[in-house]
Amino acid sequence: MMIGEMEAQYLTATSVRDAVLAKLASPGGEPGAVVKDASLCKEVVTTAARATVDKAVALSGGSGFFKRSPIERIARDVQAARFHPPAAPVSYQIIGSETRAAL
């Protein structure tokens, strides 16, 4: 079941990423909307990545915490995404402000 959940999270993250990249690659667009879309993409992708890696560590039976495990490095690196700017509170503020302005 956990592997299926990991697959679903991966599919969601890559679908959002691809949709946002396609939108950003098209000409035109409001600068605020570009920032909103990029922020939303970052939050969806990093949230899915963290959840997926957490499941991988759990499936490894704890061996994913040892330095010799490739999962340990991935788990550590993916946690850093939480602090890559803009961090979640700021991202959601940008997303909310731009969405409200569009209404």
PDB file of N, CA and C in Angstrom:
ATOM      1  N   MET A   1       0.821  -1.191   0.000  1.00  0.00           N
ATOM      2  CA  MET A   1       0.000   0.000   0.000  1.00  0.00           C
ATOM      3  C   MET A   1       0.872   1.264   0.000  1.00  0.00           C
ATOM      4  N   MET A   2       1.947   1.261   0.805  1.00  0.00           N
ATOM      5  CA  MET A   2       2.789   2.466   0.880  1.00  0.00           C
ATOM      6  C   MET A   2       3.453   2.771  -0.458  1.00  0.00           C
ATOM      7  N   ILE A   3       3.828   1.743  -1.184  1.00  0.00           N
ATOM      8  CA  ILE A   3       4.459   1.978  -2.485  1.00  0.00           C
ATOM      9  C   ILE A   3       3.449   2.588  -3.449  1.00  0.00           C
ATOM     10  N   GLY A   4       2.212   2.141  -3.380  1.00  0.00           N
ATOM     11  CA  GLY A   4       1.158   2.740  -4.201  1.00  0.00           C
ATOM     12  C   GLY A   4       0.932   4.200  -3.846  1.00  0.00           C
ATOM     13  N   GLU A   5       0.966   4.506  -2.554  1.00  0.00           N
ATOM     14  CA  GLU A   5       0.832   5.902  -2.118  1.00  0.00           C
ATOM     15  C   GLU A   5       2.001   6.741  -2.621  1.00  0.00           C
ATOM     16  N   MET A   6       3.192   6.164  -2.582  1.00  0.00           N
ATOM     17  CA  MET A   6       4.369   6.873  -3.070  1.00  0.00           C
ATOM     18  C   MET A   6       4.235   7.159  -4.568  1.00  0.00           C
ATOM     19  N   GLU A   7       3.743   6.185  -5.313  1.00  0.00           N
ATOM     20  CA  GLU A   7       3.520   6.360  -6.752  1.00  0.00           C
ATOM     21  C   GLU A   7       2.514   7.472  -7.009  1.00  0.00           C
ATOM     22  N   ALA A   8       1.431   7.496  -6.226  1.00  0.00           N
ATOM     23  CA  ALA A   8       0.401   8.524  -6.393  1.00  0.00           C
ATOM     24  C   ALA A   8       0.968   9.913  -6.100  1.00  0.00           C
ATOM     25  N   GLN A   9       1.783  10.022  -5.055  1.00  0.00           N
ATOM     26  CA  GLN A   9       2.390  11.306  -4.725  1.00  0.00           C
ATOM     27  C   GLN A   9       3.355  11.757  -5.819  1.00  0.00           C
ATOM     28  N   TYR A  10       4.109  10.814  -6.345  1.00  0.00           N
ATOM     29  CA  TYR A  10       5.039  11.133  -7.429  1.00  0.00           C
ATOM     30  C   TYR A  10       4.287  11.601  -8.672  1.00  0.00           C
ATOM     31  N   LEU A  11       3.218  10.892  -9.024  1.00  0.00           N
ATOM     32  CA  LEU A  11       2.426  11.273 -10.198  1.00  0.00           C
ATOM     33  C   LEU A  11       1.810  12.657 -10.012  1.00  0.00           C
ATOM     34  N   THR A  12       1.287  12.923  -8.829  1.00  0.00           N
ATOM     35  CA  THR A  12       0.704  14.241  -8.551  1.00  0.00           C
ATOM     36  C   THR A  12       1.759  15.335  -8.682  1.00  0.00           C
ATOM     37  N   ALA A  13       2.902  15.121  -8.057  1.00  0.00           N
ATOM     38  CA  ALA A  13       3.969  16.128  -8.081  1.00  0.00           C
ATOM     39  C   ALA A  13       4.468  16.384  -9.497  1.00  0.00           C
ATOM     40  N   THR A  14       4.710  15.327 -10.263  1.00  0.00           N
ATOM     41  CA  THR A  14       5.220  15.533 -11.625  1.00  0.00           C
ATOM     42  C   THR A  14       4.161  16.134 -12.538  1.00  0.00           C
ATOM     43  N   SER A  15       2.905  15.807 -12.312  1.00  0.00           N
ATOM     44  CA  SER A  15       1.826  16.397 -13.117  1.00  0.00           C
ATOM     45  C   SER A  15       1.703  17.893 -12.856  1.00  0.00           C
ATOM     46  N   VAL A  16       1.748  18.281 -11.592  1.00  0.00           N
ATOM     47  CA  VAL A  16       1.689  19.703 -11.246  1.00  0.00           C
ATOM     48  C   VAL A  16       2.909  20.418 -11.805  1.00  0.00           C
ATOM     49  N   ARG A  17       4.079  19.830 -11.605  1.00  0.00           N
ATOM     50  CA  ARG A  17       5.315  20.437 -12.120  1.00  0.00           C
ATOM     51  C   ARG A  17       5.236  20.647 -13.634  1.00  0.00           C
ATOM     52  N   ASP A  18       4.829  19.614 -14.365  1.00  0.00           N
ATOM     53  CA  ASP A  18       4.764  19.712 -15.818  1.00  0.00           C
ATOM     54  C   ASP A  18       3.732  20.743 -16.278  1.00  0.00           C
ATOM     55  N   ALA A  19       2.583  20.791 -15.599  1.00  0.00           N
ATOM     56  CA  ALA A  19       1.547  21.764 -15.961  1.00  0.00           C
ATOM     57  C   ALA A  19       2.030  23.193 -15.715  1.00  0.00           C
ATOM     58  N   VAL A  20       2.678  23.410 -14.589  1.00  0.00           N
ATOM     59  CA  VAL A  20       3.161  24.754 -14.273  1.00  0.00           C
ATOM     60  C   VAL A  20       4.295  25.145 -15.217  1.00  0.00           C
ATOM     61  N   LEU A  21       5.200  24.229 -15.500  1.00  0.00           N
ATOM     62  CA  LEU A  21       6.285  24.545 -16.444  1.00  0.00           C
ATOM     63  C   LEU A  21       5.742  24.877 -17.827  1.00  0.00           C
ATOM     64  N   ALA A  22       4.739  24.146 -18.280  1.00  0.00           N
ATOM     65  CA  ALA A  22       4.138  24.441 -19.585  1.00  0.00           C
ATOM     66  C   ALA A  22       3.495  25.829 -19.572  1.00  0.00           C
ATOM     67  N   LYS A  23       2.826  26.152 -18.490  1.00  0.00           N
ATOM     68  CA  LYS A  23       2.187  27.471 -18.364  1.00  0.00           C
ATOM     69  C   LYS A  23       3.237  28.576 -18.326  1.00  0.00           C
ATOM     70  N   LEU A  24       4.319  28.356 -17.595  1.00  0.00           N
ATOM     71  CA  LEU A  24       5.369  29.371 -17.489  1.00  0.00           C
ATOM     72  C   LEU A  24       6.142  29.536 -18.793  1.00  0.00           C
ATOM     73  N   ALA A  25       6.185  28.490 -19.607  1.00  0.00           N
ATOM     74  CA  ALA A  25       6.914  28.549 -20.869  1.00  0.00           C
ATOM     75  C   ALA A  25       6.130  29.283 -21.962  1.00  0.00           C
ATOM     76  N   SER A  26       4.825  29.427 -21.761  1.00  0.00           N
ATOM     77  CA  SER A  26       4.010  30.113 -22.770  1.00  0.00           C
ATOM     78  C   SER A  26       4.205  31.622 -22.626  1.00  0.00           C
ATOM     79  N   PRO A  27       4.143  32.338 -23.746  1.00  0.00           N
ATOM     80  CA  PRO A  27       4.377  33.780 -23.695  1.00  0.00           C
ATOM     81  C   PRO A  27       3.254  34.511 -22.954  1.00  0.00           C
ATOM     82  N   GLY A  28       3.615  35.679 -22.432  1.00  0.00           N
ATOM     83  CA  GLY A  28       2.631  36.514 -21.743  1.00  0.00           C
ATOM     84  C   GLY A  28       2.446  36.098 -20.307  1.00  0.00           C
ATOM     85  N   GLY A  29       1.377  36.572 -19.741  1.00  0.00           N
ATOM     86  CA  GLY A  29       1.083  36.239 -18.356  1.00  0.00           C
ATOM     87  C   GLY A  29       1.478  37.353 -17.416  1.00  0.00           C
ATOM     88  N   GLU A  30       0.719  37.468 -16.382  1.00  0.00           N
ATOM     89  CA  GLU A  30       0.980  38.475 -15.354  1.00  0.00           C
ATOM     90  C   GLU A  30       2.147  38.037 -14.473  1.00  0.00           C
ATOM     91  N   PRO A  31       3.056  38.937 -14.138  1.00  0.00           N
ATOM     92  CA  PRO A  31       4.175  38.560 -13.265  1.00  0.00           C
ATOM     93  C   PRO A  31       3.706  37.983 -11.928  1.00  0.00           C
ATOM     94  N   GLY A  32       2.666  38.532 -11.348  1.00  0.00           N
ATOM     95  CA  GLY A  32       2.151  38.019 -10.084  1.00  0.00           C
ATOM     96  C   GLY A  32       1.644  36.592 -10.209  1.00  0.00           C
ATOM     97  N   ALA A  33       1.017  36.301 -11.341  1.00  0.00           N
ATOM     98  CA  ALA A  33       0.506  34.946 -11.573  1.00  0.00           C
ATOM     99  C   ALA A  33       1.652  33.955 -11.747  1.00  0.00           C
ATOM    100  N   VAL A  34       2.737  34.407 -12.350  1.00  0.00           N
ATOM    101  CA  VAL A  34       3.915  33.551 -12.524  1.00  0.00           C
ATOM    102  C   VAL A  34       4.493  33.187 -11.158  1.00  0.00           C
ATOM    103  N   VAL A  35       4.627  34.176 -10.294  1.00  0.00           N
ATOM    104  CA  VAL A  35       5.159  33.934  -8.949  1.00  0.00           C
ATOM    105  C   VAL A  35       4.217  33.012  -8.182  1.00  0.00           C
ATOM    106  N   LYS A  36       2.914  33.243  -8.301  1.00  0.00           N
ATOM    107  CA  LYS A  36       1.927  32.401  -7.620  1.00  0.00           C
ATOM    108  C   LYS A  36       2.038  30.960  -8.098  1.00  0.00           C
ATOM    109  N   ASP A  37       2.081  30.757  -9.405  1.00  0.00           N
ATOM    110  CA  ASP A  37       2.160  29.401  -9.946  1.00  0.00           C
ATOM    111  C   ASP A  37       3.451  28.702  -9.534  1.00  0.00           C
ATOM    112  N   ALA A  38       4.559  29.418  -9.577  1.00  0.00           N
ATOM    113  CA  ALA A  38       5.840  28.825  -9.176  1.00  0.00           C
ATOM    114  C   ALA A  38       5.835  28.478  -7.689  1.00  0.00           C
ATOM    115  N   SER A  39       5.265  29.344  -6.862  1.00  0.00           N
ATOM    116  CA  SER A  39       5.183  29.072  -5.425  1.00  0.00           C
ATOM    117  C   SER A  39       4.297  27.874  -5.136  1.00  0.00           C
ATOM    118  N   LEU A  40       3.172  27.808  -5.810  1.00  0.00           N
ATOM    119  CA  LEU A  40       2.255  26.684  -5.622  1.00  0.00           C
ATOM    120  C   LEU A  40       2.910  25.378  -6.061  1.00  0.00           C
ATOM    121  N   CYS A  41       3.605  25.410  -7.177  1.00  0.00           N
ATOM    122  CA  CYS A  41       4.312  24.223  -7.666  1.00  0.00           C
ATOM    123  C   CYS A  41       5.346  23.769  -6.644  1.00  0.00           C
ATOM    124  N   LYS A  42       6.121  24.696  -6.113  1.00  0.00           N
ATOM    125  CA  LYS A  42       7.146  24.351  -5.128  1.00  0.00           C
ATOM    126  C   LYS A  42       6.534  23.692  -3.913  1.00  0.00           C
ATOM    127  N   GLU A  43       5.429  24.227  -3.419  1.00  0.00           N
ATOM    128  CA  GLU A  43       4.792  23.656  -2.231  1.00  0.00           C
ATOM    129  C   GLU A  43       4.235  22.261  -2.492  1.00  0.00           C
ATOM    130  N   VAL A  44       3.575  22.073  -3.627  1.00  0.00           N
ATOM    131  CA  VAL A  44       2.999  20.757  -3.943  1.00  0.00           C
ATOM    132  C   VAL A  44       4.104  19.727  -4.125  1.00  0.00           C
ATOM    133  N   VAL A  45       5.133  20.075  -4.872  1.00  0.00           N
ATOM    134  CA  VAL A  45       6.211  19.129  -5.161  1.00  0.00           C
ATOM    135  C   VAL A  45       7.013  18.791  -3.905  1.00  0.00           C
ATOM    136  N   THR A  46       7.366  19.796  -3.112  1.00  0.00           N
ATOM    137  CA  THR A  46       8.168  19.503  -1.925  1.00  0.00           C
ATOM    138  C   THR A  46       7.364  18.750  -0.870  1.00  0.00           C
ATOM    139  N   THR A  47       6.081  19.036  -0.742  1.00  0.00           N
ATOM    140  CA  THR A  47       5.239  18.294   0.202  1.00  0.00           C
ATOM    141  C   THR A  47       5.143  16.832  -0.216  1.00  0.00           C
ATOM    142  N   ALA A  48       4.945  16.592  -1.496  1.00  0.00           N
ATOM    143  CA  ALA A  48       4.875  15.213  -1.990  1.00  0.00           C
ATOM    144  C   ALA A  48       6.214  14.503  -1.828  1.00  0.00           C
ATOM    145  N   ALA A  49       7.297  15.211  -2.086  1.00  0.00           N
ATOM    146  CA  ALA A  49       8.629  14.601  -1.952  1.00  0.00           C
ATOM    147  C   ALA A  49       8.911  14.214  -0.509  1.00  0.00           C
ATOM    148  N   ARG A  50       8.586  15.095   0.429  1.00  0.00           N
ATOM    149  CA  ARG A  50       8.817  14.780   1.839  1.00  0.00           C
ATOM    150  C   ARG A  50       7.987  13.580   2.282  1.00  0.00           C
ATOM    151  N   ALA A  51       6.720  13.544   1.873  1.00  0.00           N
ATOM    152  CA  ALA A  51       5.853  12.421   2.252  1.00  0.00           C
ATOM    153  C   ALA A  51       6.357  11.118   1.641  1.00  0.00           C
ATOM    154  N   THR A  52       6.825  11.170   0.412  1.00  0.00           N
ATOM    155  CA  THR A  52       7.327   9.977  -0.266  1.00  0.00           C
ATOM    156  C   THR A  52       8.594   9.464   0.411  1.00  0.00           C
ATOM    157  N   VAL A  53       9.500  10.364   0.734  1.00  0.00           N
ATOM    158  CA  VAL A  53      10.753   9.959   1.389  1.00  0.00           C
ATOM    159  C   VAL A  53      10.476   9.426   2.791  1.00  0.00           C
ATOM    160  N   ASP A  54       9.531  10.034   3.493  1.00  0.00           N
ATOM    161  CA  ASP A  54       9.170   9.508   4.816  1.00  0.00           C
ATOM    162  C   ASP A  54       8.688   8.062   4.717  1.00  0.00           C
ATOM    163  N   LYS A  55       7.915   7.776   3.700  1.00  0.00           N
ATOM    164  CA  LYS A  55       7.438   6.400   3.485  1.00  0.00           C
ATOM    165  C   LYS A  55       8.604   5.472   3.128  1.00  0.00           C
ATOM    166  N   ALA A  56       9.542   5.956   2.315  1.00  0.00           N
ATOM    167  CA  ALA A  56      10.709   5.143   1.950  1.00  0.00           C
ATOM    168  C   ALA A  56      11.539   4.803   3.180  1.00  0.00           C
ATOM    169  N   VAL A  57      11.709   5.766   4.077  1.00  0.00           N
ATOM    170  CA  VAL A  57      12.447   5.513   5.316  1.00  0.00           C
ATOM    171  C   VAL A  57      11.703   4.475   6.151  1.00  0.00           C
ATOM    172  N   ALA A  58      10.389   4.614   6.247  1.00  0.00           N
ATOM    173  CA  ALA A  58       9.595   3.650   7.014  1.00  0.00           C
ATOM    174  C   ALA A  58       9.690   2.257   6.403  1.00  0.00           C
ATOM    175  N   LEU A  59       9.640   2.174   5.087  1.00  0.00           N
ATOM    176  CA  LEU A  59       9.742   0.871   4.420  1.00  0.00           C
ATOM    177  C   LEU A  59      11.121   0.242   4.595  1.00  0.00           C
ATOM    178  N   SER A  60      12.137   1.078   4.792  1.00  0.00           N
ATOM    179  CA  SER A  60      13.495   0.545   4.953  1.00  0.00           C
ATOM    180  C   SER A  60      13.701  -0.063   6.337  1.00  0.00           C
ATOM    181  N   GLY A  61      12.698   0.087   7.193  1.00  0.00           N
ATOM    182  CA  GLY A  61      12.812  -0.480   8.531  1.00  0.00           C
ATOM    183  C   GLY A  61      13.782   0.264   9.420  1.00  0.00           C
ATOM    184  N   GLY A  62      13.982   1.512   9.141  1.00  0.00           N
ATOM    185  CA  GLY A  62      14.891   2.304   9.960  1.00  0.00           C
ATOM    186  C   GLY A  62      16.313   2.340   9.441  1.00  0.00           C
ATOM    187  N   SER A  63      16.665   1.416   8.544  1.00  0.00           N
ATOM    188  CA  SER A  63      18.038   1.439   8.017  1.00  0.00           C
ATOM    189  C   SER A  63      18.281   2.689   7.175  1.00  0.00           C
ATOM    190  N   GLY A  64      17.208   3.360   6.776  1.00  0.00           N
ATOM    191  CA  GLY A  64      17.329   4.600   6.020  1.00  0.00           C
ATOM    192  C   GLY A  64      17.923   5.736   6.827  1.00  0.00           C
ATOM    193  N   PHE A  65      18.079   5.548   8.130  1.00  0.00           N
ATOM    194  CA  PHE A  65      18.677   6.572   8.976  1.00  0.00           C
ATOM    195  C   PHE A  65      20.197   6.461   9.044  1.00  0.00           C
ATOM    196  N   PHE A  66      20.760   5.348   8.582  1.00  0.00           N
ATOM    197  CA  PHE A  66      22.200   5.151   8.664  1.00  0.00           C
ATOM    198  C   PHE A  66      22.908   5.847   7.514  1.00  0.00           C
ATOM    199  N   LYS A  67      24.081   6.399   7.787  1.00  0.00           N
ATOM    200  CA  LYS A  67      24.852   7.137   6.782  1.00  0.00           C
ATOM    201  C   LYS A  67      25.147   6.305   5.541  1.00  0.00           C
ATOM    202  N   ARG A  68      25.275   5.016   5.685  1.00  0.00           N
ATOM    203  CA  ARG A  68      25.618   4.186   4.519  1.00  0.00           C
ATOM    204  C   ARG A  68      24.420   3.998   3.571  1.00  0.00           C
ATOM    205  N   SER A  69      23.253   4.393   4.007  1.00  0.00           N
ATOM    206  CA  SER A  69      22.049   4.231   3.188  1.00  0.00           C
ATOM    207  C   SER A  69      21.852   5.420   2.248  1.00  0.00           C
ATOM    208  N   PRO A  70      21.593   5.161   0.978  1.00  0.00           N
ATOM    209  CA  PRO A  70      21.307   6.271   0.064  1.00  0.00           C
ATOM    210  C   PRO A  70      20.012   6.998   0.447  1.00  0.00           C
ATOM    211  N   ILE A  71      19.128   6.307   1.129  1.00  0.00           N
ATOM    212  CA  ILE A  71      17.877   6.943   1.554  1.00  0.00           C
ATOM    213  C   ILE A  71      18.159   8.031   2.583  1.00  0.00           C
ATOM    214  N   GLU A  72      19.165   7.845   3.427  1.00  0.00           N
ATOM    215  CA  GLU A  72      19.490   8.842   4.451  1.00  0.00           C
ATOM    216  C   GLU A  72      19.821  10.182   3.817  1.00  0.00           C
ATOM    217  N   ARG A  73      20.621  10.161   2.789  1.00  0.00           N
ATOM    218  CA  ARG A  73      21.013  11.409   2.109  1.00  0.00           C
ATOM    219  C   ARG A  73      19.800  12.066   1.454  1.00  0.00           C
ATOM    220  N   ILE A  74      18.982  11.276   0.794  1.00  0.00           N
ATOM    221  CA  ILE A  74      17.785  11.804   0.148  1.00  0.00           C
ATOM    222  C   ILE A  74      16.838  12.396   1.194  1.00  0.00           C
ATOM    223  N   ALA A  75      16.656  11.678   2.310  1.00  0.00           N
ATOM    224  CA  ALA A  75      15.771  12.157   3.375  1.00  0.00           C
ATOM    225  C   ALA A  75      16.260  13.495   3.936  1.00  0.00           C
ATOM    226  N   ARG A  76      17.549  13.609   4.120  1.00  0.00           N
ATOM    227  CA  ARG A  76      18.118  14.856   4.645  1.00  0.00           C
ATOM    228  C   ARG A  76      17.961  15.984   3.632  1.00  0.00           C
ATOM    229  N   ASP A  77      18.260  15.700   2.372  1.00  0.00           N
ATOM    230  CA  ASP A  77      18.174  16.725   1.337  1.00  0.00           C
ATOM    231  C   ASP A  77      16.738  17.208   1.124  1.00  0.00           C
ATOM    232  N   VAL A  78      15.788  16.286   1.135  1.00  0.00           N
ATOM    233  CA  VAL A  78      14.402  16.682   0.869  1.00  0.00           C
ATOM    234  C   VAL A  78      13.840  17.522   2.018  1.00  0.00           C
ATOM    235  N   GLN A  79      14.336  17.316   3.227  1.00  0.00           N
ATOM    236  CA  GLN A  79      13.885  18.142   4.346  1.00  0.00           C
ATOM    237  C   GLN A  79      14.328  19.599   4.164  1.00  0.00           C
ATOM    238  N   ALA A  80      15.447  19.806   3.505  1.00  0.00           N
ATOM    239  CA  ALA A  80      15.948  21.163   3.276  1.00  0.00           C
ATOM    240  C   ALA A  80      15.015  21.969   2.372  1.00  0.00           C
ATOM    241  N   ALA A  81      14.221  21.304   1.572  1.00  0.00           N
ATOM    242  CA  ALA A  81      13.291  22.003   0.684  1.00  0.00           C
ATOM    243  C   ALA A  81      12.287  22.839   1.467  1.00  0.00           C
ATOM    244  N   ARG A  82      12.026  22.451   2.705  1.00  0.00           N
ATOM    245  CA  ARG A  82      11.085  23.203   3.541  1.00  0.00           C
ATOM    246  C   ARG A  82      11.583  24.621   3.793  1.00  0.00           C
ATOM    247  N   PHE A  83      12.894  24.804   3.747  1.00  0.00           N
ATOM    248  CA  PHE A  83      13.471  26.099   4.098  1.00  0.00           C
ATOM    249  C   PHE A  83      13.924  26.893   2.882  1.00  0.00           C
ATOM    250  N   HIS A  84      13.828  26.290   1.698  1.00  0.00           N
ATOM    251  CA  HIS A  84      14.210  26.994   0.478  1.00  0.00           C
ATOM    252  C   HIS A  84      13.179  28.084   0.214  1.00  0.00           C
ATOM    253  N   PRO A  85      13.623  29.296  -0.008  1.00  0.00           N
ATOM    254  CA  PRO A  85      12.658  30.387  -0.152  1.00  0.00           C
ATOM    255  C   PRO A  85      11.819  30.258  -1.423  1.00  0.00           C
ATOM    256  N   PRO A  86      10.621  30.690  -1.399  1.00  0.00           N
ATOM    257  CA  PRO A  86       9.906  31.155  -0.224  1.00  0.00           C
ATOM    258  C   PRO A  86       9.403  29.971   0.602  1.00  0.00           C
ATOM    259  N   ALA A  87       9.550  30.069   1.905  1.00  0.00           N
ATOM    260  CA  ALA A  87       9.074  29.017   2.802  1.00  0.00           C
ATOM    261  C   ALA A  87       7.542  28.997   2.798  1.00  0.00           C
ATOM    262  N   ALA A  88       6.978  27.898   3.263  1.00  0.00           N
ATOM    263  CA  ALA A  88       5.536  27.661   3.174  1.00  0.00           C
ATOM    264  C   ALA A  88       4.657  28.836   3.606  1.00  0.00           C
ATOM    265  N   PRO A  89       4.863  29.448   4.746  1.00  0.00           N
ATOM    266  CA  PRO A  89       3.943  30.534   5.106  1.00  0.00           C
ATOM    267  C   PRO A  89       3.941  31.664   4.076  1.00  0.00           C
ATOM    268  N   VAL A  90       5.121  32.016   3.587  1.00  0.00           N
ATOM    269  CA  VAL A  90       5.219  33.090   2.596  1.00  0.00           C
ATOM    270  C   VAL A  90       4.620  32.632   1.269  1.00  0.00           C
ATOM    271  N   SER A  91       4.901  31.402   0.873  1.00  0.00           N
ATOM    272  CA  SER A  91       4.333  30.878  -0.377  1.00  0.00           C
ATOM    273  C   SER A  91       2.816  30.942  -0.361  1.00  0.00           C
ATOM    274  N   TYR A  92       2.225  30.480   0.732  1.00  0.00           N
ATOM    275  CA  TYR A  92       0.765  30.471   0.812  1.00  0.00           C
ATOM    276  C   TYR A  92       0.197  31.877   0.881  1.00  0.00           C
ATOM    277  N   GLN A  93       0.940  32.806   1.438  1.00  0.00           N
ATOM    278  CA  GLN A  93       0.496  34.200   1.448  1.00  0.00           C
ATOM    279  C   GLN A  93       0.511  34.760   0.018  1.00  0.00           C
ATOM    280  N   ILE A  94       1.563  34.453  -0.737  1.00  0.00           N
ATOM    281  CA  ILE A  94       1.650  34.888  -2.141  1.00  0.00           C
ATOM    282  C   ILE A  94       0.502  34.282  -2.941  1.00  0.00           C
ATOM    283  N   ILE A  95       0.295  32.996  -2.778  1.00  0.00           N
ATOM    284  CA  ILE A  95      -0.753  32.291  -3.515  1.00  0.00           C
ATOM    285  C   ILE A  95      -2.123  32.899  -3.195  1.00  0.00           C
ATOM    286  N   GLY A  96      -2.393  33.106  -1.903  1.00  0.00           N
ATOM    287  CA  GLY A  96      -3.673  33.677  -1.499  1.00  0.00           C
ATOM    288  C   GLY A  96      -3.873  35.080  -2.006  1.00  0.00           C
ATOM    289  N   SER A  97      -2.844  35.913  -1.938  1.00  0.00           N
ATOM    290  CA  SER A  97      -2.944  37.302  -2.386  1.00  0.00           C
ATOM    291  C   SER A  97      -3.218  37.378  -3.883  1.00  0.00           C
ATOM    292  N   GLU A  98      -2.495  36.584  -4.653  1.00  0.00           N
ATOM    293  CA  GLU A  98      -2.680  36.606  -6.103  1.00  0.00           C
ATOM    294  C   GLU A  98      -4.040  36.025  -6.504  1.00  0.00           C
ATOM    295  N   THR A  99      -4.480  35.007  -5.803  1.00  0.00           N
ATOM    296  CA  THR A  99      -5.785  34.421  -6.103  1.00  0.00           C
ATOM    297  C   THR A  99      -6.897  35.414  -5.791  1.00  0.00           C
ATOM    298  N   ARG A 100      -6.790  36.077  -4.631  1.00  0.00           N
ATOM    299  CA  ARG A 100      -7.796  37.075  -4.240  1.00  0.00           C
ATOM    300  C   ARG A 100      -7.805  38.222  -5.237  1.00  0.00           C
ATOM    301  N   ALA A 101      -6.642  38.662  -5.702  1.00  0.00           N
ATOM    302  CA  ALA A 101      -6.558  39.767  -6.648  1.00  0.00           C
ATOM    303  C   ALA A 101      -7.189  39.394  -7.990  1.00  0.00           C
ATOM    304  N   ALA A 102      -7.117  38.119  -8.344  1.00  0.00           N
ATOM    305  CA  ALA A 102      -7.673  37.663  -9.621  1.00  0.00           C
ATOM    306  C   ALA A 102      -9.201  37.571  -9.584  1.00  0.00           C
ATOM    307  N   LEU A 103      -9.757  37.500  -8.378  1.00  0.00           N
ATOM    308  CA  LEU A 103     -11.218  37.359  -8.258  1.00  0.00           C
ATOM    309  C   LEU A 103     -11.857  38.656  -8.506  1.00  0.00           C
TER     310      LEU A 103
END
